[in-house]
């Protein structure tokens, strides 16, 4: 069986390819640390701006405590073609009322399950990227995606 040869991408093509993976892979995996134990779970972003990703959470979930103790996280997206994007960054609680309202108004599931925007269980994290990497299936090597200045 011949070794698969991924279609090469020029550095100029990488950002668009990475954005396509983020757009098409609806449920990335979020990695956090529970002390020294890594924890990974699928999440459903409630908003994405380029490579800044917003994730809603319930205050009682264990990842809330994990992020409070260590805000360094990573998201891993994989599309149907097995292309990957890894977003390494920090998670911060969104406190901006207008941004929370925009996220709330655009998300039927949040409204259905939480009832009101001021539900004390609601926490929205903004994952601010400090590194984004893209890899085509079988390329076996990541390409850096430049972050906006």
N, C-alpha and C. Protein backbone atom coordinates (compact mmCIF):
# COMPACT_ATOMS: atom_id res chain seq x y z
N UNK A 1 0.85 -1.17 0.00
CA UNK A 1 0.00 0.00 0.00
C UNK A 1 0.90 1.24 0.00
N UNK A 2 0.69 2.14 -0.96
CA UNK A 2 1.54 3.33 -1.01
C UNK A 2 1.23 4.29 0.13
N UNK A 3 2.26 4.99 0.56
CA UNK A 3 2.10 5.98 1.61
C UNK A 3 1.27 7.15 1.08
N UNK A 4 0.25 7.59 1.84
CA UNK A 4 -0.53 8.74 1.39
C UNK A 4 0.34 9.99 1.31
N UNK A 5 0.11 10.79 0.31
CA UNK A 5 0.84 12.04 0.14
C UNK A 5 -0.14 13.20 0.25
N UNK A 6 -0.08 13.93 1.36
CA UNK A 6 -1.00 15.06 1.50
C UNK A 6 -0.66 16.17 0.51
N UNK A 7 -1.70 16.88 0.07
CA UNK A 7 -1.49 18.01 -0.82
C UNK A 7 -0.74 19.09 -0.04
N UNK A 8 0.42 19.51 -0.54
CA UNK A 8 1.16 20.53 0.19
C UNK A 8 0.45 21.88 0.15
N UNK A 9 0.64 22.65 1.21
CA UNK A 9 0.07 23.99 1.29
C UNK A 9 1.20 25.00 1.41
N UNK A 10 1.05 26.10 0.72
CA UNK A 10 2.01 27.19 0.91
C UNK A 10 1.68 27.88 2.23
N UNK A 11 2.62 28.57 2.82
CA UNK A 11 2.34 29.30 4.07
C UNK A 11 1.16 30.26 3.94
N UNK A 12 0.96 30.82 2.76
CA UNK A 12 -0.17 31.74 2.55
C UNK A 12 -1.52 31.04 2.59
N UNK A 13 -1.54 29.74 2.28
CA UNK A 13 -2.79 28.98 2.27
C UNK A 13 -3.18 28.43 3.64
N UNK A 14 -2.24 28.36 4.56
CA UNK A 14 -2.47 27.73 5.85
C UNK A 14 -3.56 28.41 6.67
N UNK A 15 -3.57 29.74 6.82
CA UNK A 15 -4.64 30.36 7.64
C UNK A 15 -6.05 30.02 7.15
N UNK A 16 -6.28 30.07 5.85
CA UNK A 16 -7.61 29.76 5.32
C UNK A 16 -7.96 28.29 5.55
N UNK A 17 -6.99 27.40 5.38
CA UNK A 17 -7.23 25.98 5.63
C UNK A 17 -7.56 25.75 7.10
N UNK A 18 -6.84 26.43 7.99
CA UNK A 18 -7.10 26.29 9.43
C UNK A 18 -8.49 26.83 9.78
N UNK A 19 -8.85 27.97 9.22
CA UNK A 19 -10.20 28.52 9.49
C UNK A 19 -11.28 27.56 9.01
N UNK A 20 -11.05 26.90 7.88
CA UNK A 20 -12.04 25.94 7.36
C UNK A 20 -12.21 24.76 8.32
N UNK A 21 -11.13 24.27 8.89
CA UNK A 21 -11.24 23.17 9.84
C UNK A 21 -12.04 23.62 11.06
N UNK A 22 -11.73 24.80 11.59
CA UNK A 22 -12.45 25.32 12.76
C UNK A 22 -13.94 25.49 12.44
N UNK A 23 -14.24 25.95 11.25
CA UNK A 23 -15.64 26.16 10.84
C UNK A 23 -16.38 24.81 10.68
N UNK A 24 -15.70 23.81 10.15
CA UNK A 24 -16.37 22.55 9.80
C UNK A 24 -16.39 21.52 10.92
N UNK A 25 -15.47 21.62 11.86
CA UNK A 25 -15.42 20.67 12.98
C UNK A 25 -16.19 21.29 14.14
N UNK A 26 -17.41 20.91 14.30
CA UNK A 26 -18.32 21.60 15.23
C UNK A 26 -18.00 21.38 16.69
N UNK A 27 -17.39 20.25 17.04
CA UNK A 27 -17.16 19.93 18.44
C UNK A 27 -15.68 19.67 18.70
N UNK A 28 -14.92 20.71 18.98
CA UNK A 28 -13.52 20.49 19.30
C UNK A 28 -13.38 19.86 20.68
N UNK A 29 -12.19 19.39 20.95
CA UNK A 29 -11.87 18.85 22.27
C UNK A 29 -11.08 19.90 23.04
N UNK A 30 -11.48 20.11 24.29
CA UNK A 30 -10.82 21.06 25.16
C UNK A 30 -9.98 20.31 26.17
N UNK A 31 -8.70 20.66 26.26
CA UNK A 31 -7.79 20.06 27.24
C UNK A 31 -7.53 21.05 28.36
N UNK A 32 -7.63 20.56 29.59
CA UNK A 32 -7.32 21.33 30.79
C UNK A 32 -6.44 20.44 31.67
N UNK A 33 -6.01 21.01 32.78
CA UNK A 33 -5.27 20.22 33.76
C UNK A 33 -6.04 20.17 35.07
N UNK A 34 -6.16 18.97 35.60
CA UNK A 34 -6.75 18.74 36.92
C UNK A 34 -5.58 18.36 37.82
N UNK A 35 -4.94 19.37 38.41
CA UNK A 35 -3.68 19.12 39.11
C UNK A 35 -2.64 18.78 38.07
N UNK A 36 -2.11 17.56 38.15
CA UNK A 36 -1.14 17.12 37.14
C UNK A 36 -1.77 16.16 36.13
N UNK A 37 -3.08 15.94 36.23
CA UNK A 37 -3.77 15.01 35.34
C UNK A 37 -4.46 15.77 34.20
N UNK A 38 -4.06 15.53 32.96
CA UNK A 38 -4.77 16.17 31.85
C UNK A 38 -6.20 15.64 31.75
N UNK A 39 -7.11 16.52 31.36
CA UNK A 39 -8.51 16.17 31.13
C UNK A 39 -8.90 16.71 29.76
N UNK A 40 -9.59 15.89 28.99
CA UNK A 40 -10.02 16.27 27.65
C UNK A 40 -11.50 15.96 27.52
N UNK A 41 -12.24 16.92 26.93
CA UNK A 41 -13.65 16.67 26.70
C UNK A 41 -14.11 17.48 25.48
N UNK A 42 -15.14 16.96 24.77
CA UNK A 42 -15.68 17.75 23.65
C UNK A 42 -16.45 18.95 24.20
N UNK A 43 -16.38 20.04 23.48
CA UNK A 43 -17.15 21.23 23.83
C UNK A 43 -17.85 21.75 22.59
N UNK A 44 -18.83 22.59 22.81
CA UNK A 44 -19.59 23.19 21.72
C UNK A 44 -19.42 24.71 21.81
N UNK A 45 -18.50 25.27 21.02
CA UNK A 45 -18.29 26.71 21.09
C UNK A 45 -19.59 27.48 20.81
N UNK A 46 -19.75 28.59 21.53
CA UNK A 46 -20.93 29.43 21.34
C UNK A 46 -20.62 30.62 20.45
N UNK A 47 -19.34 30.81 20.14
CA UNK A 47 -18.93 31.89 19.23
C UNK A 47 -17.46 31.65 18.88
N UNK A 48 -17.09 32.02 17.66
CA UNK A 48 -15.71 31.95 17.23
C UNK A 48 -15.40 33.19 16.40
N UNK A 49 -14.35 33.89 16.77
CA UNK A 49 -13.85 35.05 16.03
C UNK A 49 -12.43 34.73 15.60
N UNK A 50 -12.26 34.38 14.30
CA UNK A 50 -10.97 33.91 13.82
C UNK A 50 -10.55 32.69 14.63
N UNK A 51 -9.55 32.84 15.52
CA UNK A 51 -9.11 31.72 16.34
C UNK A 51 -9.35 31.97 17.83
N UNK A 52 -10.11 33.00 18.14
CA UNK A 52 -10.57 33.23 19.51
C UNK A 52 -11.89 32.52 19.65
N UNK A 53 -11.96 31.60 20.61
CA UNK A 53 -13.12 30.71 20.73
C UNK A 53 -13.78 30.96 22.08
N UNK A 54 -15.11 30.99 22.07
CA UNK A 54 -15.91 31.20 23.28
C UNK A 54 -16.64 29.91 23.60
N UNK A 55 -16.52 29.48 24.85
CA UNK A 55 -17.13 28.23 25.30
C UNK A 55 -17.97 28.52 26.53
N UNK A 56 -19.24 28.12 26.48
CA UNK A 56 -20.12 28.25 27.64
C UNK A 56 -19.93 27.06 28.56
N UNK A 57 -20.15 27.29 29.83
CA UNK A 57 -19.91 26.27 30.83
C UNK A 57 -20.88 26.49 31.98
N UNK A 58 -21.10 25.45 32.75
CA UNK A 58 -21.86 25.60 33.99
C UNK A 58 -20.88 25.68 35.15
N UNK A 59 -21.13 26.57 36.05
CA UNK A 59 -20.24 26.82 37.18
C UNK A 59 -19.95 25.54 37.96
N UNK A 60 -20.91 24.62 38.04
CA UNK A 60 -20.73 23.41 38.84
C UNK A 60 -19.88 22.35 38.14
N UNK A 61 -19.58 22.55 36.85
CA UNK A 61 -18.77 21.56 36.14
C UNK A 61 -17.32 21.61 36.62
N UNK A 62 -16.67 20.45 36.58
CA UNK A 62 -15.32 20.35 37.10
C UNK A 62 -14.33 21.19 36.32
N UNK A 63 -14.56 21.41 35.03
CA UNK A 63 -13.61 22.21 34.27
C UNK A 63 -13.55 23.65 34.76
N UNK A 64 -14.61 24.13 35.44
CA UNK A 64 -14.57 25.46 36.03
C UNK A 64 -13.45 25.55 37.05
N UNK A 65 -13.37 24.59 37.94
CA UNK A 65 -12.32 24.55 38.95
C UNK A 65 -10.96 24.37 38.30
N UNK A 66 -10.88 23.51 37.29
CA UNK A 66 -9.61 23.29 36.61
C UNK A 66 -9.09 24.58 35.99
N UNK A 67 -9.96 25.33 35.31
CA UNK A 67 -9.55 26.58 34.66
C UNK A 67 -9.23 27.66 35.70
N UNK A 68 -9.95 27.67 36.82
CA UNK A 68 -9.61 28.63 37.88
C UNK A 68 -8.20 28.39 38.40
N UNK A 69 -7.78 27.13 38.47
CA UNK A 69 -6.45 26.81 38.99
C UNK A 69 -5.35 26.92 37.93
N UNK A 70 -5.71 26.73 36.68
CA UNK A 70 -4.72 26.82 35.60
C UNK A 70 -5.47 27.21 34.33
N UNK A 71 -5.30 28.45 33.90
CA UNK A 71 -6.06 28.96 32.76
C UNK A 71 -5.47 28.58 31.41
N UNK A 72 -4.37 27.84 31.40
CA UNK A 72 -3.78 27.39 30.13
C UNK A 72 -4.56 26.20 29.61
N UNK A 73 -5.04 26.32 28.37
CA UNK A 73 -5.88 25.29 27.77
C UNK A 73 -5.45 25.07 26.33
N UNK A 74 -5.99 24.02 25.75
CA UNK A 74 -5.80 23.79 24.32
C UNK A 74 -7.08 23.21 23.75
N UNK A 75 -7.44 23.69 22.56
CA UNK A 75 -8.55 23.14 21.79
C UNK A 75 -7.97 22.37 20.61
N UNK A 76 -8.55 21.23 20.31
CA UNK A 76 -8.13 20.45 19.15
C UNK A 76 -9.36 20.20 18.28
N UNK A 77 -9.27 20.66 17.04
CA UNK A 77 -10.32 20.46 16.05
C UNK A 77 -9.83 19.43 15.03
N UNK A 78 -10.73 18.55 14.57
CA UNK A 78 -10.41 17.64 13.49
C UNK A 78 -11.63 17.53 12.59
N UNK A 79 -11.43 17.76 11.29
CA UNK A 79 -12.56 17.72 10.37
C UNK A 79 -12.74 16.32 9.77
N UNK A 80 -13.69 16.21 8.85
CA UNK A 80 -13.98 14.90 8.24
C UNK A 80 -12.83 14.36 7.39
N UNK A 81 -11.93 15.24 6.97
CA UNK A 81 -10.76 14.81 6.20
C UNK A 81 -9.57 14.49 7.10
N UNK A 82 -9.78 14.59 8.42
CA UNK A 82 -8.75 14.35 9.44
C UNK A 82 -7.67 15.43 9.48
N UNK A 83 -7.96 16.60 8.90
CA UNK A 83 -7.07 17.74 9.09
C UNK A 83 -7.31 18.26 10.50
N UNK A 84 -6.25 18.78 11.12
CA UNK A 84 -6.33 19.21 12.52
C UNK A 84 -5.93 20.66 12.68
N UNK A 85 -6.54 21.30 13.68
CA UNK A 85 -6.11 22.61 14.16
C UNK A 85 -6.02 22.51 15.67
N UNK A 86 -4.91 22.99 16.21
CA UNK A 86 -4.72 23.04 17.65
C UNK A 86 -4.55 24.50 18.04
N UNK A 87 -5.43 24.94 18.94
CA UNK A 87 -5.39 26.31 19.44
C UNK A 87 -4.94 26.25 20.89
N UNK A 88 -3.75 26.75 21.15
CA UNK A 88 -3.20 26.81 22.49
C UNK A 88 -3.40 28.23 23.01
N UNK A 89 -3.91 28.35 24.23
CA UNK A 89 -4.14 29.69 24.74
C UNK A 89 -4.51 29.71 26.20
N UNK A 90 -5.10 30.82 26.59
CA UNK A 90 -5.56 30.98 27.96
C UNK A 90 -7.07 31.22 27.95
N UNK A 91 -7.71 30.71 28.98
CA UNK A 91 -9.16 30.87 29.13
C UNK A 91 -9.42 31.97 30.14
N UNK A 92 -10.27 32.90 29.76
CA UNK A 92 -10.65 33.98 30.67
C UNK A 92 -12.16 34.09 30.70
N UNK A 93 -12.70 34.45 31.84
CA UNK A 93 -14.15 34.60 31.98
C UNK A 93 -14.58 35.87 31.27
N UNK A 94 -15.61 35.76 30.44
CA UNK A 94 -16.17 36.92 29.75
C UNK A 94 -17.06 37.67 30.72
N UNK A 95 -16.78 38.94 30.90
CA UNK A 95 -17.57 39.79 31.80
C UNK A 95 -18.26 40.93 31.06
N UNK A 96 -17.90 41.13 29.79
CA UNK A 96 -18.48 42.21 28.99
C UNK A 96 -19.96 41.92 28.73
N UNK A 97 -20.84 42.78 29.26
CA UNK A 97 -22.29 42.55 29.19
C UNK A 97 -22.80 42.51 27.76
N UNK A 98 -22.30 43.41 26.90
CA UNK A 98 -22.77 43.43 25.51
C UNK A 98 -22.36 42.16 24.77
N UNK A 99 -21.14 41.68 25.00
CA UNK A 99 -20.69 40.44 24.37
C UNK A 99 -21.49 39.26 24.88
N UNK A 100 -21.72 39.18 26.20
CA UNK A 100 -22.54 38.10 26.75
C UNK A 100 -23.94 38.12 26.17
N UNK A 101 -24.51 39.31 26.03
CA UNK A 101 -25.86 39.44 25.45
C UNK A 101 -25.86 38.95 24.00
N UNK A 102 -24.85 39.30 23.23
CA UNK A 102 -24.79 38.86 21.83
C UNK A 102 -24.68 37.33 21.75
N UNK A 103 -23.85 36.75 22.62
CA UNK A 103 -23.73 35.29 22.64
C UNK A 103 -25.05 34.66 23.07
N UNK A 104 -25.65 35.19 24.11
CA UNK A 104 -26.93 34.69 24.62
C UNK A 104 -28.01 34.74 23.54
N UNK A 105 -28.14 35.89 22.89
CA UNK A 105 -29.19 36.08 21.89
C UNK A 105 -29.02 35.18 20.68
N UNK A 106 -27.79 34.76 20.40
CA UNK A 106 -27.55 33.93 19.21
C UNK A 106 -27.57 32.44 19.51
N UNK A 107 -27.85 32.05 20.76
CA UNK A 107 -27.73 30.64 21.11
C UNK A 107 -29.01 30.12 21.76
N UNK A 108 -29.80 29.40 20.97
CA UNK A 108 -31.07 28.84 21.47
C UNK A 108 -30.87 27.87 22.62
N UNK A 109 -29.81 27.05 22.57
CA UNK A 109 -29.60 26.06 23.63
C UNK A 109 -29.32 26.72 24.97
N UNK A 110 -28.52 27.76 24.98
CA UNK A 110 -28.28 28.47 26.24
C UNK A 110 -29.59 28.98 26.82
N UNK A 111 -30.39 29.61 25.98
CA UNK A 111 -31.66 30.17 26.46
C UNK A 111 -32.59 29.05 26.93
N UNK A 112 -32.62 27.94 26.22
CA UNK A 112 -33.51 26.83 26.58
C UNK A 112 -33.13 26.22 27.93
N UNK A 113 -31.83 25.95 28.11
CA UNK A 113 -31.41 25.24 29.32
C UNK A 113 -31.20 26.14 30.53
N UNK A 114 -30.85 27.40 30.31
CA UNK A 114 -30.52 28.25 31.45
C UNK A 114 -31.60 29.29 31.76
N UNK A 115 -32.52 29.49 30.83
CA UNK A 115 -33.67 30.35 31.11
C UNK A 115 -33.42 31.84 31.03
N UNK A 116 -32.44 32.33 31.78
CA UNK A 116 -32.14 33.77 31.77
C UNK A 116 -30.64 33.98 31.71
N UNK A 117 -30.25 35.09 31.13
CA UNK A 117 -28.83 35.40 30.98
C UNK A 117 -28.14 35.59 32.33
N UNK A 118 -28.91 35.95 33.37
CA UNK A 118 -28.29 36.15 34.68
C UNK A 118 -28.33 34.90 35.56
N UNK A 119 -28.56 33.74 34.95
CA UNK A 119 -28.50 32.48 35.68
C UNK A 119 -27.09 32.35 36.28
N UNK A 120 -26.98 32.17 37.59
CA UNK A 120 -25.65 32.12 38.22
C UNK A 120 -24.80 30.92 37.80
N UNK A 121 -25.40 29.94 37.16
CA UNK A 121 -24.64 28.78 36.69
C UNK A 121 -23.83 29.08 35.43
N UNK A 122 -24.21 30.10 34.69
CA UNK A 122 -23.58 30.38 33.39
C UNK A 122 -22.20 31.02 33.55
N UNK A 123 -21.22 30.41 32.90
CA UNK A 123 -19.88 30.97 32.76
C UNK A 123 -19.54 30.85 31.28
N UNK A 124 -19.06 31.94 30.68
CA UNK A 124 -18.58 31.88 29.30
C UNK A 124 -17.10 32.20 29.33
N UNK A 125 -16.32 31.31 28.72
CA UNK A 125 -14.87 31.51 28.63
C UNK A 125 -14.50 31.99 27.24
N UNK A 126 -13.59 32.94 27.19
CA UNK A 126 -12.94 33.35 25.94
C UNK A 126 -11.58 32.68 25.96
N UNK A 127 -11.31 31.88 24.94
CA UNK A 127 -10.01 31.24 24.82
C UNK A 127 -9.19 32.09 23.86
N UNK A 128 -8.22 32.77 24.44
CA UNK A 128 -7.37 33.69 23.69
C UNK A 128 -6.15 32.93 23.20
N UNK A 129 -6.00 32.82 21.89
CA UNK A 129 -4.91 32.00 21.37
C UNK A 129 -3.54 32.68 21.51
N UNK A 130 -2.54 31.87 21.85
CA UNK A 130 -1.17 32.35 21.77
C UNK A 130 -0.37 31.51 20.76
N UNK A 131 -0.99 30.43 20.28
CA UNK A 131 -0.38 29.61 19.23
C UNK A 131 -1.49 28.84 18.53
N UNK A 132 -1.42 28.82 17.19
CA UNK A 132 -2.36 28.03 16.39
C UNK A 132 -1.53 27.23 15.40
N UNK A 133 -1.82 25.92 15.35
CA UNK A 133 -1.09 25.04 14.44
C UNK A 133 -2.09 24.26 13.59
N UNK A 134 -1.71 24.00 12.35
CA UNK A 134 -2.54 23.27 11.39
C UNK A 134 -1.75 22.07 10.88
N UNK A 135 -2.46 20.94 10.70
CA UNK A 135 -1.82 19.77 10.11
C UNK A 135 -2.80 19.05 9.19
N UNK A 136 -2.36 18.81 7.97
CA UNK A 136 -3.11 17.96 7.05
C UNK A 136 -2.97 16.51 7.49
N UNK A 137 -4.03 15.73 7.23
CA UNK A 137 -3.93 14.29 7.52
C UNK A 137 -2.72 13.72 6.79
N UNK A 138 -1.99 12.91 7.46
CA UNK A 138 -0.81 12.21 6.97
C UNK A 138 0.41 13.11 6.76
N UNK A 139 0.29 14.39 7.01
CA UNK A 139 1.46 15.25 6.84
C UNK A 139 2.47 14.99 7.96
N UNK A 140 1.97 14.64 9.14
CA UNK A 140 2.79 14.30 10.29
C UNK A 140 3.66 15.45 10.76
N UNK A 141 3.26 16.67 10.40
CA UNK A 141 3.99 17.84 10.83
C UNK A 141 3.04 19.03 10.84
N UNK A 142 3.09 19.82 11.92
CA UNK A 142 2.23 20.99 12.02
C UNK A 142 2.85 22.19 11.34
N UNK A 143 1.99 23.05 10.81
CA UNK A 143 2.40 24.33 10.27
C UNK A 143 1.84 25.42 11.17
N UNK A 144 2.65 26.41 11.48
CA UNK A 144 2.20 27.51 12.32
C UNK A 144 1.25 28.40 11.55
N UNK A 145 0.20 28.83 12.24
CA UNK A 145 -0.76 29.77 11.67
C UNK A 145 -0.48 31.13 12.31
N UNK A 146 -0.16 32.13 11.49
CA UNK A 146 0.11 33.45 12.08
C UNK A 146 -1.12 34.00 12.78
N UNK A 147 -0.92 34.58 13.96
CA UNK A 147 -2.00 35.20 14.69
C UNK A 147 -2.10 36.66 14.29
N UNK A 148 -3.33 37.20 14.28
CA UNK A 148 -3.46 38.63 13.97
C UNK A 148 -2.70 39.46 15.03
N UNK A 149 -2.16 40.56 14.57
CA UNK A 149 -1.38 41.43 15.48
C UNK A 149 -2.29 42.14 16.46
